[in-house]
Amino acid sequence: QVQLVESGGGLVQTGGSLRLSCAASGRTSRDYTMAWFRQAPGKEREFVATTTWTGGNTYDADYTDSVKGRFTIYRENTANMLYLRMNSLKPEDTAAYYCAAGSGRPIKTSVRGYDYWGQGTQVTVSS
């Protein structure tokens, strides 16, 4: 079992920045693909960003198109931490953000690729 706890959400103005954190505990592993998803009221949970170990000390990263160039996902394995740095925030980024861990299969951009989820942290961007 893996436990995930998010933090760092809040209220920010358009153009502002936030850094979300996800603390992992339990049977953590660098082999896990880790990701951020978000869910706005009345909408399905959607993929935001993911990072997968590719060998040695390297990880790849993928983003949904709407956040490319603005968001950065990164992890600190020694501390079992995952982060999402969010810059140039827009009102449409408003959502509850969830940390996830799993195999990333069959599809790492789908909720089906993850077995473990945090409780979420709210991000609200005012216009």
Protein backbone atom coordinates (compact mmCIF):
# COMPACT_ATOMS: atom_id res chain seq x y z
CA GLN A 1 0.00 0.00 0.00
CA VAL A 2 1.05 3.56 -0.71
CA GLN A 3 -0.37 6.59 1.06
CA LEU A 4 -0.34 9.98 -0.66
CA VAL A 5 -1.00 13.34 0.97
CA GLU A 6 -1.19 16.55 -1.07
CA SER A 7 -0.64 20.08 0.15
CA GLY A 8 0.07 23.53 -1.22
CA GLY A 9 -3.25 24.48 -2.78
CA GLY A 10 -4.88 27.82 -2.22
CA LEU A 11 -6.36 30.97 -3.74
CA VAL A 12 -4.22 32.88 -6.22
CA GLN A 13 -4.80 35.62 -8.78
CA THR A 14 -4.52 35.10 -12.52
CA GLY A 15 -0.87 35.00 -13.48
CA GLY A 16 0.24 33.84 -10.06
CA SER A 17 2.14 30.74 -9.03
CA LEU A 18 1.73 27.83 -6.65
CA ARG A 19 3.72 24.72 -5.82
CA LEU A 20 1.80 21.59 -4.93
CA SER A 21 3.46 18.88 -2.87
CA CYS A 22 2.65 15.20 -2.49
CA ALA A 23 4.16 13.19 0.35
CA ALA A 24 4.30 9.45 -0.29
CA SER A 25 4.62 6.80 2.41
CA GLY A 26 4.30 3.06 2.69
CA ARG A 27 5.62 0.79 -0.06
CA THR A 28 6.99 3.56 -2.23
CA SER A 29 9.25 2.84 -5.17
CA ARG A 30 11.05 4.88 -7.81
CA ASP A 31 9.56 2.42 -10.27
CA TYR A 32 6.13 3.90 -9.73
CA THR A 33 4.87 6.29 -12.32
CA MET A 34 3.55 9.33 -10.49
CA ALA A 35 1.14 11.91 -11.74
CA TRP A 36 -1.07 14.88 -11.06
CA PHE A 37 -4.70 14.93 -12.10
CA ARG A 38 -7.33 17.57 -11.50
CA GLN A 39 -11.09 17.70 -11.26
CA ALA A 40 -13.30 20.74 -11.58
CA PRO A 41 -16.89 20.72 -10.28
CA GLY A 42 -19.18 18.82 -12.60
CA LYS A 43 -16.32 17.53 -14.74
CA GLU A 44 -14.39 14.28 -14.97
CA ARG A 45 -10.97 13.92 -13.43
CA GLU A 46 -8.38 14.86 -16.06
CA PHE A 47 -4.69 14.24 -16.55
CA VAL A 48 -2.30 17.11 -15.87
CA ALA A 49 1.26 15.74 -15.71
CA THR A 50 3.17 12.51 -15.14
CA THR A 51 6.74 11.44 -14.47
CA THR A 52 8.26 7.98 -14.96
CA TRP A 53 11.65 6.57 -14.02
CA THR A 54 13.68 5.84 -17.16
CA GLY A 55 16.81 4.44 -15.52
CA GLY A 56 19.69 5.70 -13.39
CA ASN A 57 18.72 9.07 -11.99
CA THR A 58 16.60 10.16 -14.91
CA TYR A 59 12.87 10.57 -15.26
CA ASP A 60 10.73 11.62 -18.16
CA ALA A 61 7.79 13.98 -17.92
CA ASP A 62 4.62 14.45 -19.94
CA TYR A 63 1.99 17.16 -19.74
CA THR A 64 -1.44 17.83 -21.04
CA ASP A 65 -1.29 20.48 -23.76
CA SER A 66 -3.06 23.17 -21.74
CA VAL A 67 -0.31 23.30 -19.10
CA LYS A 68 2.82 22.83 -21.22
CA GLY A 69 5.30 25.60 -20.62
CA ARG A 70 3.53 26.68 -17.42
CA PHE A 71 3.63 23.61 -15.13
CA THR A 72 6.61 21.49 -14.10
CA ILE A 73 6.39 18.08 -12.43
CA TYR A 74 9.35 16.77 -10.49
CA ARG A 75 10.11 14.32 -7.72
CA GLU A 76 12.61 13.90 -4.91
CA ASN A 77 12.83 10.18 -4.32
CA THR A 78 15.07 10.43 -1.27
CA ALA A 79 12.30 12.31 0.45
CA ASN A 80 9.43 10.41 -1.21
CA MET A 81 8.05 13.68 -2.53
CA LEU A 82 6.33 14.69 -5.76
CA TYR A 83 5.82 18.31 -6.75
CA LEU A 84 3.91 20.33 -9.30
CA ARG A 85 5.18 23.83 -9.91
CA MET A 86 2.43 25.92 -11.51
CA ASN A 87 3.18 29.30 -13.08
CA SER A 88 1.06 31.75 -15.06
CA LEU A 89 -2.09 30.33 -13.54
CA LYS A 90 -5.41 30.89 -15.28
CA PRO A 91 -9.00 30.72 -14.00
CA GLU A 92 -9.48 27.52 -16.01
CA ASP A 93 -6.82 25.86 -13.84
CA THR A 94 -9.24 26.04 -10.91
CA ALA A 95 -9.84 22.50 -9.66
CA ALA A 96 -9.06 19.97 -6.97
CA TYR A 97 -5.62 18.54 -7.72
CA TYR A 98 -4.84 14.91 -6.98
CA CYS A 99 -1.54 13.07 -6.68
CA ALA A 100 -1.47 9.51 -8.03
CA ALA A 101 0.96 6.59 -8.10
CA GLY A 102 0.95 3.33 -10.01
CA SER A 103 2.30 1.37 -12.92
CA GLY A 104 1.13 3.92 -15.45
CA ARG A 105 -0.30 1.08 -17.52
CA PRO A 106 -2.22 0.67 -19.74
CA ILE A 107 -2.13 4.41 -20.28
CA LYS A 108 -0.22 6.81 -18.05
CA THR A 109 -2.48 9.72 -18.94
CA SER A 110 -5.58 7.83 -17.78
CA VAL A 111 -6.89 7.37 -14.24
CA ARG A 112 -6.77 3.63 -15.02
CA GLY A 113 -2.99 3.76 -14.87
CA TYR A 114 -2.93 4.48 -11.13
CA ASP A 115 -3.75 2.46 -8.04
CA TYR A 116 -3.10 4.99 -5.31
CA TRP A 117 -4.61 8.44 -4.87
CA GLY A 118 -4.37 11.29 -2.43
CA GLN A 119 -7.33 13.18 -1.00
CA GLY A 120 -6.76 16.25 -3.17
CA THR A 121 -5.87 19.87 -2.63
CA GLN A 122 -7.98 22.77 -3.94
CA VAL A 123 -6.53 25.35 -6.31
CA THR A 124 -8.64 28.42 -7.05
CA VAL A 125 -7.49 31.04 -9.54
CA SER A 126 -9.39 34.33 -9.43
CA SER A 127 -9.80 36.50 -12.50
